[in-house]
């Protein structure tokens, strides 16, 4: 209920539940506010699974954060009864000088990470369900795997509550301010006050973080589940997660787990979205056709019957990298936004980072490259 706390967390999704857990486990009185319960399907963190990988093509500077994220996920996985993290390795392919292949080589070299170069013949032998495009390269990162997305969010929420945090669900935040050395958060139920505020709004960033409106935008994304068609793609038979850069598409997917379906999505593209409440959950025929063609060409043993479909949202930053920082013009308000479709795997460590910032005003994690200052002019 409304009252005074050491820290308020606005947004109880992937990063917010992790932040609440880290704050509460350090002995702070914490409340997390969200209109929806942890693990809901109204935002970005749902759809059964997310990929985690270490040889990070997006930027080598993410790798130290990923190493810590892996450790934290492993600890959480060992603490709760539900299986959260499954290591499968990840098969990635694309043009030799494309974003994925070049970026992986840079990250592997910068951090001394193991990565295996595979030929089309190697793949035919080791992963017979996959086929490369002529002229493309392939790399295998053994430090790849699967996170059970909704279960991860719920696990952080459960651990946060066990550490003393409160979750006030069903309350929509209508405003916040920092005043007189404290922060106030107004919801439809009343006014909360605290020494510190952490905002992890996901797709609601433009409304809750006005300073980010010029630098973030929303995309509607589709997730498809196809019949596997062949035991080659079963996780128990060693099928890995995968990511293939293909011209204007970058398809990623998951082996068949319990329901014998292959999950597939396009990391690129997506339809612009104005506000989360306008998310269209219908199947887009053009997106379905592109996914089906990818399966036909690169997973030739897969079935082509669409079994299931859902949609989620990417909150894209202007440059595709996260924004994690103190909110401009405040002293005690910190946020994470613009995770740009590749942030879930970092949720465990971003929760720790935000707890560090809220409590100490600093963190030992290297996050300078994620600062909002890269978007702000000197006069902003």
Protein backbone atom coordinates (compact mmCIF):
# COMPACT_ATOMS: atom_id res chain seq x y z
CA UNK A 1 0.00 0.00 0.00
CA UNK A 2 1.12 3.63 -0.40
CA UNK A 3 3.70 4.69 2.17
CA UNK A 4 7.40 5.40 2.59
CA UNK A 5 10.12 3.02 1.40
CA UNK A 6 13.87 2.98 0.98
CA UNK A 7 13.44 2.36 -2.74
CA UNK A 8 10.56 2.18 -5.19
CA UNK A 9 10.86 0.10 -8.36
CA UNK A 10 8.50 1.12 -11.15
CA UNK A 11 8.01 -1.80 -13.55
CA UNK A 12 8.04 -5.40 -12.32
CA UNK A 13 9.21 -7.05 -15.52
CA UNK A 14 12.52 -8.79 -16.20
CA UNK A 15 14.85 -6.06 -14.94
CA UNK A 16 12.50 -4.63 -12.32
CA UNK A 17 12.01 -7.92 -10.49
CA UNK A 18 15.78 -8.49 -10.54
CA UNK A 19 16.41 -4.99 -9.17
CA UNK A 20 13.81 -5.52 -6.43
CA UNK A 21 15.51 -8.80 -5.50
CA UNK A 22 19.01 -7.30 -5.28
CA UNK A 23 17.78 -4.29 -3.30
CA UNK A 24 15.72 -6.34 -0.85
CA UNK A 25 18.48 -8.91 -0.38
CA UNK A 26 20.72 -6.07 0.79
CA UNK A 27 18.25 -5.24 3.53
CA UNK A 28 16.39 -2.32 1.94
CA UNK A 29 12.65 -1.76 2.23
CA UNK A 30 11.42 -2.07 -1.35
CA UNK A 31 8.11 -1.87 -3.18
CA UNK A 32 7.68 -2.72 -6.86
CA UNK A 33 4.75 -1.27 -8.79
CA UNK A 34 3.21 -2.61 -11.99
CA UNK A 35 -0.26 -2.83 -13.56
CA UNK A 36 0.46 -6.48 -14.47
CA UNK A 37 1.79 -9.46 -12.48
CA UNK A 38 5.36 -10.73 -12.99
CA UNK A 39 5.55 -13.02 -16.02
CA UNK A 40 2.61 -11.43 -17.87
CA UNK A 41 2.25 -11.43 -21.66
CA UNK A 42 1.48 -7.74 -22.19
CA UNK A 43 5.06 -6.53 -22.68
CA UNK A 44 8.42 -7.86 -23.85
CA UNK A 45 9.33 -10.74 -21.52
CA UNK A 46 7.13 -13.66 -22.51
CA UNK A 47 6.97 -16.41 -25.10
CA UNK A 48 8.50 -19.31 -23.12
CA UNK A 49 12.18 -18.84 -24.02
CA UNK A 50 15.00 -16.36 -24.61
CA UNK A 51 18.53 -16.95 -25.88
CA UNK A 52 21.59 -16.28 -23.75
CA UNK A 53 25.01 -16.18 -25.45
CA UNK A 54 28.49 -14.99 -24.56
CA UNK A 55 30.37 -14.23 -27.81
CA UNK A 56 28.36 -11.06 -28.30
CA UNK A 57 28.33 -9.68 -31.84
CA UNK A 58 26.50 -6.49 -30.86
CA UNK A 59 29.52 -5.07 -29.02
CA UNK A 60 32.47 -6.62 -27.14
CA UNK A 61 31.82 -4.34 -24.13
CA UNK A 62 28.72 -6.39 -23.29
CA UNK A 63 30.80 -9.50 -22.59
CA UNK A 64 31.86 -8.63 -18.98
CA UNK A 65 28.22 -7.94 -18.16
CA UNK A 66 27.24 -11.26 -19.75
CA UNK A 67 29.78 -13.18 -17.70
CA UNK A 68 28.22 -11.82 -14.54
CA UNK A 69 24.71 -12.39 -15.93
CA UNK A 70 25.52 -16.06 -16.53
CA UNK A 71 26.73 -16.42 -12.95
CA UNK A 72 23.64 -14.77 -11.50
CA UNK A 73 21.27 -16.85 -13.66
CA UNK A 74 23.08 -19.99 -12.59
CA UNK A 75 22.76 -19.06 -8.91
CA UNK A 76 19.05 -18.30 -9.35
CA UNK A 77 18.58 -21.56 -11.27
CA UNK A 78 20.16 -23.51 -8.43
CA UNK A 79 18.06 -21.68 -5.82
CA UNK A 80 14.54 -22.25 -7.18
CA UNK A 81 12.76 -25.50 -8.06
CA UNK A 82 12.01 -24.53 -11.68
CA UNK A 83 14.64 -25.07 -14.38
CA UNK A 84 15.62 -21.61 -15.64
CA UNK A 85 18.86 -22.02 -17.61
CA UNK A 86 19.70 -24.74 -20.13
CA UNK A 87 23.03 -24.67 -21.96
CA UNK A 88 22.82 -25.88 -25.56
CA UNK A 89 25.46 -23.84 -27.37
CA UNK A 90 24.43 -21.53 -30.19
CA UNK A 91 24.98 -21.98 -33.92
CA UNK A 92 25.30 -18.64 -35.73
CA UNK A 93 25.73 -17.99 -39.44
CA UNK A 94 25.94 -15.12 -41.90
CA UNK A 95 28.09 -13.37 -44.49
CA UNK A 96 31.81 -13.43 -43.55
CA UNK A 97 31.93 -9.66 -43.15
CA UNK A 98 28.38 -9.24 -41.87
CA UNK A 99 27.37 -7.86 -38.50
CA UNK A 100 27.04 -11.28 -36.84
CA UNK A 101 30.19 -13.05 -38.03
CA UNK A 102 32.49 -10.01 -37.81
CA UNK A 103 31.05 -9.00 -34.45
CA UNK A 104 31.47 -12.47 -32.98
CA UNK A 105 35.10 -12.63 -34.07
CA UNK A 106 35.77 -9.22 -32.53
CA UNK A 107 34.18 -10.23 -29.22
CA UNK A 108 35.95 -13.60 -29.11
CA UNK A 109 39.31 -11.99 -29.82
CA UNK A 110 38.83 -9.13 -27.36
CA UNK A 111 37.93 -11.44 -24.48
CA UNK A 112 39.68 -14.70 -25.36
CA UNK A 113 36.41 -16.59 -25.73
CA UNK A 114 36.10 -20.05 -27.28
CA UNK A 115 34.33 -20.13 -30.63
CA UNK A 116 34.39 -22.87 -33.27
CA UNK A 117 34.42 -22.18 -37.00
CA UNK A 118 32.27 -24.64 -38.92
CA UNK A 119 32.09 -25.45 -42.62
CA UNK A 120 28.95 -26.57 -44.43
CA UNK A 121 30.35 -30.10 -44.29
CA UNK A 122 30.90 -29.83 -40.51
CA UNK A 123 27.32 -28.74 -40.03
CA UNK A 124 25.97 -31.52 -42.24
CA UNK A 125 27.74 -33.99 -39.96
CA UNK A 126 27.26 -32.41 -36.53
CA UNK A 127 23.94 -30.57 -37.01
CA UNK A 128 22.28 -32.33 -39.96
CA UNK A 129 19.04 -30.44 -39.53
CA UNK A 130 20.67 -27.14 -40.56
CA UNK A 131 21.85 -25.94 -43.96
CA UNK A 132 24.03 -22.92 -44.74
CA UNK A 133 23.57 -20.50 -47.58
CA UNK A 134 26.36 -20.64 -50.17
CA UNK A 135 29.17 -18.27 -49.22
CA UNK A 136 28.09 -17.85 -45.58
CA UNK A 137 30.27 -18.62 -42.57
CA UNK A 138 29.19 -20.37 -39.38
CA UNK A 139 30.48 -20.11 -35.81
CA UNK A 140 29.50 -22.17 -32.78
CA UNK A 141 29.54 -20.54 -29.34
CA UNK A 142 29.50 -23.27 -26.67
CA UNK A 143 28.40 -20.68 -24.11
CA UNK A 144 24.93 -20.33 -25.52
CA UNK A 145 21.66 -21.53 -24.12
CA UNK A 146 18.05 -20.97 -23.17
CA UNK A 147 16.39 -18.97 -20.42
CA UNK A 148 12.80 -19.86 -19.44
CA UNK A 149 11.58 -16.29 -19.72
CA UNK A 150 8.39 -16.11 -17.66
CA UNK A 151 9.81 -18.47 -15.03
CA UNK A 152 12.92 -16.27 -14.70
CA UNK A 153 10.81 -13.19 -14.03
CA UNK A 154 8.64 -15.01 -11.51
CA UNK A 155 11.72 -16.49 -9.81
CA UNK A 156 13.23 -13.04 -9.26
CA UNK A 157 9.88 -11.80 -7.91
CA UNK A 158 9.59 -14.76 -5.54
CA UNK A 159 13.13 -14.31 -4.25
CA UNK A 160 12.54 -10.58 -3.84
CA UNK A 161 9.42 -11.24 -1.75
CA UNK A 162 11.29 -13.79 0.35
CA UNK A 163 13.89 -11.08 1.01
CA UNK A 164 11.16 -8.69 2.16
CA UNK A 165 10.15 -6.76 -0.97
CA UNK A 166 6.50 -5.92 -1.64
CA UNK A 167 4.84 -6.15 -5.05
CA UNK A 168 1.83 -3.92 -5.51
CA UNK A 169 0.27 -5.26 -8.69
CA UNK A 170 -2.63 -3.66 -10.50
CA UNK A 171 -1.42 -0.10 -9.90
CA UNK A 172 -0.66 2.11 -12.85
CA UNK A 173 1.89 4.87 -12.22
CA UNK A 174 0.54 8.23 -13.35
CA UNK A 175 3.54 10.38 -12.40
CA UNK A 176 6.71 10.75 -10.37
CA UNK A 177 8.99 13.53 -9.16
CA UNK A 178 12.08 14.15 -7.08
CA UNK A 179 11.52 16.85 -4.49
CA UNK A 180 13.28 17.88 -1.29
CA UNK A 181 15.81 15.06 -1.45
CA UNK A 182 13.11 12.39 -1.82
CA UNK A 183 11.15 10.87 -4.66
CA UNK A 184 7.39 10.60 -4.94
CA UNK A 185 5.51 8.19 -7.16
CA UNK A 186 1.80 8.69 -7.77
CA UNK A 187 -0.35 5.73 -8.76
CA UNK A 188 -4.08 5.33 -9.19
CA UNK A 189 -4.12 4.07 -5.58
CA UNK A 190 -2.17 6.89 -3.92
CA UNK A 191 1.26 8.43 -3.38
CA UNK A 192 4.44 6.58 -2.48
CA UNK A 193 7.65 8.19 -1.23
CA UNK A 194 11.20 6.87 -0.99
CA UNK A 195 14.85 7.77 -0.78
CA UNK A 196 15.55 6.22 -4.19
CA UNK A 197 13.62 5.38 -7.36
CA UNK A 198 14.42 2.76 -10.00
CA UNK A 199 12.41 2.84 -13.24
CA UNK A 200 12.41 -0.22 -15.50
CA UNK A 201 9.47 0.54 -17.77
CA UNK A 202 10.04 -1.65 -20.84
CA UNK A 203 7.72 -0.53 -23.63
CA UNK A 204 6.21 2.11 -21.34
CA UNK A 205 9.50 4.08 -21.36
CA UNK A 206 8.29 7.01 -23.51
CA UNK A 207 5.53 7.79 -21.00
CA UNK A 208 7.46 7.21 -17.77
CA UNK A 209 10.83 8.57 -18.93
CA UNK A 210 10.14 11.71 -20.97
CA UNK A 211 13.86 12.40 -21.50
CA UNK A 212 14.09 9.20 -23.58
CA UNK A 213 11.22 9.93 -25.97
CA UNK A 214 13.50 11.25 -28.71
CA UNK A 215 15.79 8.25 -28.47
CA UNK A 216 13.51 5.22 -28.13
CA UNK A 217 10.70 3.78 -30.23
CA UNK A 218 8.55 0.66 -30.13
CA UNK A 219 8.43 -2.24 -32.56
CA UNK A 220 5.86 -5.02 -32.74
CA UNK A 221 7.57 -8.40 -33.07
CA UNK A 222 6.17 -11.83 -33.91
CA UNK A 223 7.13 -15.20 -32.44
CA UNK A 224 6.23 -18.39 -34.34
CA UNK A 225 6.17 -22.04 -33.28
CA UNK A 226 6.32 -24.63 -36.08
CA UNK A 227 5.99 -28.40 -35.87
CA UNK A 228 9.51 -29.83 -35.67
CA UNK A 229 8.83 -32.56 -38.19
CA UNK A 230 12.01 -34.45 -37.29
CA UNK A 231 13.72 -35.53 -34.05
CA UNK A 232 16.88 -33.88 -35.39
CA UNK A 233 15.62 -30.63 -33.86
CA UNK A 234 14.90 -32.06 -30.40
CA UNK A 235 16.89 -30.49 -27.57
CA UNK A 236 17.55 -33.92 -26.10
CA UNK A 237 19.27 -34.87 -29.36
CA UNK A 238 21.73 -32.00 -29.06
CA UNK A 239 20.05 -29.44 -31.31
CA UNK A 240 21.32 -25.97 -30.38
CA UNK A 241 19.72 -22.57 -30.37
CA UNK A 242 20.55 -20.71 -33.58
CA UNK A 243 20.82 -17.29 -35.19
CA UNK A 244 21.25 -16.71 -38.96
CA UNK A 245 21.91 -13.32 -40.55
CA UNK A 246 20.20 -13.34 -43.95
CA UNK A 247 20.18 -10.08 -45.93
CA UNK A 248 17.43 -7.95 -44.36
CA UNK A 249 16.48 -10.65 -41.85
CA UNK A 250 18.24 -12.13 -38.84
CA UNK A 251 16.28 -15.19 -37.78
CA UNK A 252 16.86 -16.81 -34.43
CA UNK A 253 15.24 -19.86 -32.92
CA UNK A 254 15.10 -22.67 -30.42
CA UNK A 255 15.17 -26.46 -30.62
CA UNK A 256 12.03 -28.44 -29.92
CA UNK A 257 11.67 -28.81 -26.17
CA UNK A 258 8.53 -30.35 -24.62
CA UNK A 259 5.88 -29.56 -27.21
CA UNK A 260 8.02 -30.75 -30.15
CA UNK A 261 7.84 -27.32 -31.78
CA UNK A 262 10.61 -25.14 -33.17
CA UNK A 263 10.32 -21.51 -32.11
CA UNK A 264 11.41 -18.93 -34.68
CA UNK A 265 11.50 -15.11 -34.88
CA UNK A 266 13.11 -12.33 -36.89
CA UNK A 267 15.37 -10.12 -34.78
CA UNK A 268 15.30 -7.46 -37.52
CA UNK A 269 12.29 -5.66 -38.96
CA UNK A 270 9.01 -5.37 -37.05
CA UNK A 271 6.11 -2.93 -37.30
CA UNK A 272 6.26 0.49 -35.61
CA UNK A 273 4.01 0.82 -32.59
CA UNK A 274 2.84 4.02 -30.92
CA UNK A 275 1.81 2.75 -27.48
CA UNK A 276 1.88 -0.74 -25.92
CA UNK A 277 -1.88 -0.86 -25.56
CA UNK A 278 -2.23 -0.85 -29.37
CA UNK A 279 -0.24 -4.10 -29.84
CA UNK A 280 -1.80 -6.13 -32.67
CA UNK A 281 -1.68 -9.82 -31.76
CA UNK A 282 -2.83 -11.20 -35.12
CA UNK A 283 -0.57 -13.16 -37.48
CA UNK A 284 1.06 -10.97 -40.12
CA UNK A 285 0.99 -12.97 -43.41
CA UNK A 286 4.21 -11.39 -44.71
CA UNK A 287 6.09 -12.19 -41.49
CA UNK A 288 4.76 -15.74 -41.53
CA UNK A 289 5.84 -16.21 -45.14
CA UNK A 290 9.37 -14.94 -44.41
CA UNK A 291 9.68 -17.30 -41.44
CA UNK A 292 8.37 -20.24 -43.46
CA UNK A 293 10.84 -19.56 -46.27
CA UNK A 294 13.71 -19.41 -43.80
CA UNK A 295 12.71 -22.80 -42.40
CA UNK A 296 12.45 -24.31 -45.87
CA UNK A 297 15.93 -23.15 -46.87
CA UNK A 298 17.89 -23.53 -43.61
CA UNK A 299 16.04 -26.12 -41.51
CA UNK A 300 14.93 -28.40 -44.35
CA UNK A 301 13.76 -31.27 -42.13
CA UNK A 302 11.41 -29.06 -40.13
CA UNK A 303 7.67 -29.21 -40.47
CA UNK A 304 5.89 -26.19 -41.89
CA UNK A 305 2.65 -26.33 -39.92
CA UNK A 306 2.26 -23.22 -37.74
CA UNK A 307 1.43 -24.47 -34.27
CA UNK A 308 1.36 -21.27 -32.24
CA UNK A 309 1.99 -17.52 -32.56
CA UNK A 310 2.31 -14.57 -30.23
CA UNK A 311 3.61 -11.01 -30.32
CA UNK A 312 5.86 -8.98 -28.06
CA UNK A 313 7.55 -5.57 -28.19
CA UNK A 314 11.07 -4.29 -28.68
CA UNK A 315 11.82 -0.92 -27.11
CA UNK A 316 14.51 0.22 -29.51
CA UNK A 317 17.11 2.83 -28.68
CA UNK A 318 18.45 5.04 -31.43
CA UNK A 319 21.65 2.99 -31.78
CA UNK A 320 20.36 -0.42 -30.67
CA UNK A 321 22.24 -0.37 -27.34
CA UNK A 322 20.77 -0.18 -23.84
CA UNK A 323 20.35 3.05 -21.90
CA UNK A 324 21.26 2.57 -18.21
CA UNK A 325 21.95 5.68 -16.17
CA UNK A 326 20.83 8.25 -13.65
CA UNK A 327 17.81 10.10 -15.00
CA UNK A 328 18.82 13.57 -16.27
CA UNK A 329 18.20 16.37 -13.79
CA UNK A 330 17.78 14.08 -10.77
CA UNK A 331 20.02 12.87 -7.97
CA UNK A 332 18.37 9.63 -6.88
CA UNK A 333 16.44 8.29 -9.88
CA UNK A 334 18.00 5.53 -12.01
CA UNK A 335 16.62 3.68 -15.00
CA UNK A 336 17.16 1.04 -17.67
CA UNK A 337 15.42 1.45 -21.00
CA UNK A 338 15.82 0.87 -24.73
CA UNK A 339 16.94 -2.75 -24.34
CA UNK A 340 16.37 -3.08 -28.09
CA UNK A 341 15.29 -6.69 -28.24
CA UNK A 342 18.46 -8.21 -26.78
CA UNK A 343 18.19 -7.21 -23.14
CA UNK A 344 16.48 -10.11 -21.38
CA UNK A 345 19.64 -12.18 -20.99
CA UNK A 346 21.14 -9.22 -19.08
CA UNK A 347 18.20 -8.83 -16.67
CA UNK A 348 19.99 -10.56 -13.80
CA UNK A 349 23.04 -8.30 -13.95
CA UNK A 350 21.09 -5.14 -14.81
CA UNK A 351 19.10 -5.69 -11.61
CA UNK A 352 22.39 -5.79 -9.73
CA UNK A 353 23.67 -2.69 -11.56
CA UNK A 354 20.54 -0.69 -10.73
CA UNK A 355 20.71 -1.77 -7.09
CA UNK A 356 24.33 -0.59 -6.98
CA UNK A 357 23.38 2.76 -8.49
CA UNK A 358 20.37 3.28 -6.26
CA UNK A 359 22.26 2.48 -3.06
CA UNK A 360 25.76 3.79 -3.79
CA UNK A 361 25.34 6.09 -6.78
CA UNK A 362 27.91 3.99 -8.66
CA UNK A 363 28.66 0.45 -9.79
CA UNK A 364 31.81 -1.57 -10.40
CA UNK A 365 30.26 -2.91 -13.60
CA UNK A 366 31.40 -1.17 -16.78
CA UNK A 367 28.32 0.60 -18.11
CA UNK A 368 29.74 3.88 -19.40
CA UNK A 369 29.00 2.84 -22.98
CA UNK A 370 25.31 2.58 -22.04
CA UNK A 371 25.02 6.13 -20.68
CA UNK A 372 22.24 8.42 -21.93
CA UNK A 373 24.90 11.10 -22.42
CA UNK A 374 25.68 9.62 -25.86
CA UNK A 375 22.33 10.98 -27.05
CA UNK A 376 22.35 14.32 -25.25
CA UNK A 377 23.84 17.49 -26.66
CA UNK A 378 25.81 19.72 -24.24
CA UNK A 379 22.79 22.00 -23.97
CA UNK A 380 20.23 19.23 -23.36
